[in-house]
Amino acid sequence: MIDITMNGQKMVVRKNQTILQAARENGIKIPHLCFHPALKPSGACKLCGVEIGSPSGRKVVMLSCVLKVKENLEIQTESALVSAHREKAFNRLLQMAPDAFRIRSLAKEFGVPVTPPSDGCIRCRLCIRVCNEIVKASALKMGKHDGKSLVVAGKGQCIGCGTCANLCPTNFIQVKDKEGVRTISLKEEVIGQLLLERCEGCGKMYATANFLKHVAQSTLSHPDTKEHHCLCPSCIKLMSNRALTEGEHLKK
């Protein structure tokens, strides 16, 4: 057994054990992710750094999962030097796994400020532009939340066409059809739930009533507008091909 000091507290610990093991046995928490008692330590995650006094008197941070205890060793698990090291280590891990709940939870437990999680939107504004310029529903715009610019939806303006989701390069916008209802979401925020209409030809639920109404109103003044039918794209193509075939047959 040997004597060490950890956070100003003198303690007797077993020889040849690591600082992390000694801390755990004495109820002192040190963050770690890559340590497992059944495996040799690797120091890969770099989270378990602690402050050690070097022979020159300079304070240094060393990994507690690797460094073994020594007689009269003085250790600090909470210091300005350790905090800076932890912040750097946590953010390095989050660069590789930005949505990792366990890493973020551990950082929160130890009060380490980390980069906010990515929401998956790259602010290219393709969704806003196509909704405004082509669809002309004006259901999306840029807004501010907690000082950050992000895509937001105008209340009740989404017609459920799904054009924005088709153009979104990161799948931030999701469209799901279930039990006759189309749900449009910005990541986890639902911006529209609209009833689907059934195709008069094949019976498939294919488009929202709001979208079909929007199309009818948009083309109302067009000189070639004909009576609208609830037909899905597949049925329209099928009927167009049939009409073309019959037209060619009549010419012969």
Protein backbone atom coordinates (compact mmCIF):
# COMPACT_ATOMS: atom_id res chain seq x y z
CA MET A 1 0.00 0.00 0.00
CA ILE A 2 1.19 3.56 -0.70
CA ASP A 3 0.15 7.09 0.30
CA ILE A 4 -1.13 9.65 -2.23
CA THR A 5 -3.04 12.92 -2.08
CA MET A 6 -6.08 13.45 -4.32
CA ASN A 7 -7.91 16.78 -4.32
CA GLY A 8 -6.17 17.66 -1.05
CA GLN A 9 -7.34 14.44 0.61
CA LYS A 10 -4.71 11.99 1.82
CA MET A 11 -5.51 8.36 1.08
CA VAL A 12 -3.89 4.94 1.15
CA VAL A 13 -4.23 3.01 -2.12
CA ARG A 14 -3.06 -0.26 -3.55
CA LYS A 15 0.30 -0.37 -5.27
CA ASN A 16 0.38 -0.79 -9.09
CA GLN A 17 -3.19 0.40 -9.61
CA THR A 18 -3.96 3.34 -11.86
CA ILE A 19 -5.08 6.75 -10.67
CA LEU A 20 -8.51 6.11 -12.22
CA GLN A 21 -8.90 2.86 -10.30
CA ALA A 22 -7.80 4.55 -7.05
CA ALA A 23 -10.24 7.40 -7.63
CA ARG A 24 -13.13 5.03 -8.33
CA GLU A 25 -12.40 3.02 -5.16
CA ASN A 26 -12.46 6.24 -3.13
CA GLY A 27 -15.68 7.61 -4.63
CA ILE A 28 -14.04 10.30 -6.77
CA LYS A 29 -15.57 10.62 -10.23
CA ILE A 30 -13.42 11.10 -13.33
CA PRO A 31 -15.06 11.08 -16.78
CA HIS A 32 -14.08 8.27 -19.11
CA LEU A 33 -15.48 6.35 -22.08
CA CYS A 34 -12.77 3.98 -23.35
CA PHE A 35 -11.87 2.39 -20.01
CA HIS A 36 -13.09 -1.11 -19.09
CA PRO A 37 -11.74 -3.07 -16.09
CA ALA A 38 -11.44 -6.26 -18.17
CA LEU A 39 -9.19 -4.63 -20.78
CA LYS A 40 -5.81 -2.95 -20.85
CA PRO A 41 -6.16 0.85 -20.81
CA SER A 42 -5.61 2.67 -24.11
CA GLY A 43 -6.23 6.34 -23.28
CA ALA A 44 -8.13 6.74 -26.56
CA CYS A 45 -10.93 9.06 -25.41
CA LYS A 46 -8.60 11.42 -23.48
CA LEU A 47 -11.41 12.35 -21.08
CA CYS A 48 -9.80 11.04 -17.89
CA GLY A 49 -7.01 13.60 -17.70
CA VAL A 50 -5.96 14.74 -14.21
CA GLU A 51 -3.47 17.33 -13.00
CA ILE A 52 -0.12 16.03 -11.73
CA GLY A 53 2.85 17.92 -10.31
CA SER A 54 5.94 17.24 -12.41
CA PRO A 55 9.51 17.00 -10.96
CA SER A 56 10.20 20.49 -12.34
CA GLY A 57 7.28 21.85 -10.35
CA ARG A 58 5.18 22.50 -13.46
CA LYS A 59 1.61 21.20 -13.44
CA VAL A 60 0.73 18.81 -16.29
CA VAL A 61 -2.35 16.84 -17.33
CA MET A 62 -1.92 13.08 -17.67
CA LEU A 63 -4.40 10.30 -18.37
CA SER A 64 -5.57 8.66 -15.16
CA CYS A 65 -6.51 5.38 -16.84
CA VAL A 66 -2.88 4.81 -17.84
CA LEU A 67 -0.79 6.48 -15.13
CA LYS A 68 -0.14 4.35 -12.05
CA VAL A 69 -0.07 5.71 -8.51
CA LYS A 70 3.28 6.54 -6.89
CA GLU A 71 4.29 7.26 -3.31
CA ASN A 72 3.31 10.80 -2.24
CA LEU A 73 1.82 11.60 -5.65
CA GLU A 74 -0.39 14.72 -5.62
CA ILE A 75 -3.38 14.66 -7.94
CA GLN A 76 -6.10 17.17 -8.81
CA THR A 77 -9.17 15.87 -10.65
CA GLU A 78 -10.83 19.32 -10.78
CA SER A 79 -8.73 22.33 -11.76
CA ALA A 80 -8.58 24.99 -14.47
CA LEU A 81 -5.99 22.93 -16.33
CA VAL A 82 -8.15 19.79 -16.14
CA SER A 83 -11.27 21.70 -17.22
CA ALA A 84 -9.53 23.04 -20.33
CA HIS A 85 -8.27 19.56 -21.18
CA ARG A 86 -11.73 18.01 -20.75
CA GLU A 87 -13.42 20.63 -22.91
CA LYS A 88 -10.95 20.00 -25.72
CA ALA A 89 -11.32 16.21 -25.38
CA PHE A 90 -15.14 16.27 -25.32
CA ASN A 91 -15.36 18.53 -28.37
CA ARG A 92 -12.89 16.36 -30.27
CA LEU A 93 -15.13 13.33 -29.66
CA LEU A 94 -18.23 15.30 -30.67
CA GLN A 95 -16.62 16.22 -33.98
CA MET A 96 -16.66 12.50 -34.78
CA ALA A 97 -20.04 11.73 -33.17
CA PRO A 98 -21.99 15.01 -32.89
CA ASP A 99 -25.29 13.36 -31.92
CA ALA A 100 -23.86 10.92 -29.37
CA PHE A 101 -26.22 11.18 -26.39
CA ARG A 102 -23.81 9.44 -24.00
CA ILE A 103 -20.97 11.87 -24.69
CA ARG A 104 -23.23 14.90 -24.27
CA SER A 105 -24.76 13.50 -21.08
CA LEU A 106 -21.30 12.87 -19.60
CA ALA A 107 -20.18 16.40 -20.51
CA LYS A 108 -23.27 17.81 -18.82
CA GLU A 109 -22.66 15.69 -15.70
CA PHE A 110 -19.17 17.18 -15.33
CA GLY A 111 -20.22 20.70 -16.31
CA VAL A 112 -18.14 20.80 -19.48
CA PRO A 113 -19.31 23.27 -22.15
CA VAL A 114 -19.44 21.60 -25.56
CA THR A 115 -20.43 22.55 -29.08
CA PRO A 116 -24.23 22.44 -29.61
CA PRO A 117 -25.54 19.44 -31.56
CA SER A 118 -26.01 19.85 -35.28
CA ASP A 119 -29.65 20.00 -36.37
CA GLY A 120 -28.85 18.58 -39.81
CA CYS A 121 -29.80 21.75 -41.74
CA ILE A 122 -27.04 23.43 -43.78
CA ARG A 123 -29.06 26.64 -44.39
CA CYS A 124 -28.88 26.30 -48.18
CA ARG A 125 -32.43 27.74 -48.39
CA LEU A 126 -33.40 25.45 -51.27
CA CYS A 127 -36.61 24.55 -49.44
CA ILE A 128 -37.55 28.20 -48.91
CA ARG A 129 -36.76 29.20 -52.47
CA VAL A 130 -38.73 26.39 -54.11
CA CYS A 131 -41.70 26.96 -51.79
CA ASN A 132 -41.71 30.69 -52.58
CA GLU A 133 -40.68 30.76 -56.24
CA ILE A 134 -42.14 27.56 -57.72
CA VAL A 135 -44.86 26.20 -55.43
CA LYS A 136 -45.77 29.74 -54.28
CA ALA A 137 -47.12 28.53 -50.94
CA SER A 138 -44.63 30.64 -48.92
CA ALA A 139 -44.78 28.12 -46.08
CA LEU A 140 -41.09 28.34 -45.08
CA LYS A 141 -38.78 31.18 -44.11
CA MET A 142 -35.61 31.92 -42.13
CA GLY A 143 -36.18 32.76 -38.48
CA LYS A 144 -34.22 33.29 -35.27
CA HIS A 145 -34.14 31.08 -32.19
CA ASP A 146 -31.66 31.56 -29.33
CA GLY A 147 -29.70 33.88 -31.59
CA LYS A 148 -29.34 31.23 -34.31
CA SER A 149 -30.79 31.42 -37.84
CA LEU A 150 -32.87 28.43 -38.84
CA VAL A 151 -35.66 27.36 -41.18
CA VAL A 152 -39.11 27.88 -39.67
CA ALA A 153 -42.63 27.25 -40.93
CA GLY A 154 -45.50 29.67 -41.28
CA LYS A 155 -48.42 28.40 -39.22
CA GLY A 156 -50.98 26.56 -41.34
CA GLN A 157 -49.36 27.51 -44.67
CA CYS A 158 -47.86 24.12 -45.63
CA ILE A 159 -49.89 22.44 -48.37
CA GLY A 160 -48.07 19.10 -48.07
CA CYS A 161 -46.69 18.91 -51.61
CA GLY A 162 -43.35 17.50 -50.39
CA THR A 163 -41.27 19.51 -52.88
CA CYS A 164 -39.07 20.93 -50.13
CA ALA A 165 -38.24 17.45 -48.83
CA ASN A 166 -37.37 16.24 -52.35
CA LEU A 167 -34.85 19.06 -52.75
CA CYS A 168 -33.38 19.00 -49.23
CA PRO A 169 -29.77 17.74 -49.59
CA THR A 170 -29.48 16.45 -46.00
CA ASN A 171 -32.93 14.89 -45.41
CA PHE A 172 -33.57 17.48 -42.70
CA ILE A 173 -37.15 17.74 -44.00
CA GLN A 174 -39.14 14.51 -43.74
CA VAL A 175 -42.44 13.50 -45.37
CA LYS A 176 -44.34 10.45 -44.13
CA ASP A 177 -47.69 9.11 -45.36
CA LYS A 178 -49.63 6.94 -42.92
CA GLU A 179 -53.30 6.00 -42.68
CA GLY A 180 -54.44 8.67 -45.11
CA VAL A 181 -52.46 11.50 -43.48
CA ARG A 182 -49.27 13.16 -44.72
CA THR A 183 -46.93 14.48 -42.01
CA ILE A 184 -44.20 16.99 -42.85
CA SER A 185 -41.45 17.61 -40.30
CA LEU A 186 -38.40 19.80 -39.88
CA LYS A 187 -36.28 17.18 -38.15
CA GLU A 188 -38.54 16.40 -35.16
CA GLU A 189 -40.84 19.44 -35.40
CA VAL A 190 -44.12 18.68 -37.20
CA ILE A 191 -45.03 21.61 -39.46
CA GLY A 192 -48.02 20.04 -41.22
CA GLN A 193 -50.45 17.13 -41.02
CA LEU A 194 -52.80 17.01 -43.97
CA LEU A 195 -55.37 14.55 -45.30
CA LEU A 196 -54.55 12.69 -48.50
CA GLU A 197 -56.87 12.33 -51.48
CA ARG A 198 -57.51 8.99 -53.19
CA CYS A 199 -56.76 8.52 -56.91
CA GLU A 200 -59.95 8.01 -58.91
CA GLY A 201 -58.11 5.56 -61.15
CA CYS A 202 -56.13 3.17 -58.97
CA GLY A 203 -57.40 4.11 -55.51
CA LYS A 204 -53.95 5.04 -54.20
CA MET A 205 -53.65 7.86 -51.62
CA TYR A 206 -51.37 10.19 -53.53
CA ALA A 207 -51.67 13.94 -52.73
CA THR A 208 -53.07 16.24 -50.08
CA ALA A 209 -56.38 18.00 -50.58
CA ASN A 210 -54.66 21.32 -49.84
CA PHE A 211 -52.10 20.73 -52.58
CA LEU A 212 -54.75 19.82 -55.17
CA LYS A 213 -56.78 22.89 -54.20
CA HIS A 214 -53.66 25.04 -54.51
CA VAL A 215 -52.97 23.67 -58.01
CA ALA A 216 -56.58 24.25 -59.08
CA GLN A 217 -56.50 27.87 -57.87
CA SER A 218 -53.08 28.52 -59.43
CA THR A 219 -54.16 27.30 -62.88
CA LEU A 220 -57.67 28.75 -62.80
CA SER A 221 -56.82 31.59 -65.22
CA HIS A 222 -54.81 29.43 -67.64
CA PRO A 223 -56.57 29.27 -71.09
CA ASP A 224 -55.93 25.54 -71.50
CA THR A 225 -57.22 24.56 -68.06
CA LYS A 226 -59.61 21.63 -68.21
CA GLU A 227 -61.80 19.97 -65.64
CA HIS A 228 -59.66 18.60 -62.83
CA HIS A 229 -59.71 14.92 -61.91
CA CYS A 230 -58.13 13.28 -58.86
CA LEU A 231 -55.60 11.10 -60.69
CA CYS A 232 -52.15 10.13 -59.48
CA PRO A 233 -49.13 10.66 -61.79
CA SER A 234 -49.06 6.95 -62.72
CA CYS A 235 -52.70 6.96 -63.84
CA ILE A 236 -52.26 10.23 -65.73
CA LYS A 237 -49.28 8.75 -67.58
CA LEU A 238 -51.21 5.55 -68.28
CA MET A 239 -54.19 7.45 -69.68
CA SER A 240 -51.95 9.74 -71.72
CA ASN A 241 -50.21 6.74 -73.29
CA ARG A 242 -53.58 5.13 -73.98
CA ALA A 243 -54.91 8.32 -75.60
CA LEU A 244 -51.72 8.59 -77.69
CA THR A 245 -52.05 4.98 -78.85
CA GLU A 246 -55.73 5.43 -79.77
CA GLY A 247 -54.87 8.65 -81.66
CA GLU A 248 -52.19 6.87 -83.69
CA HIS A 249 -54.65 4.04 -84.41
CA LEU A 250 -57.28 6.48 -85.76
CA LYS A 251 -54.76 8.07 -88.11
CA LYS A 252 -54.16 4.75 -89.84
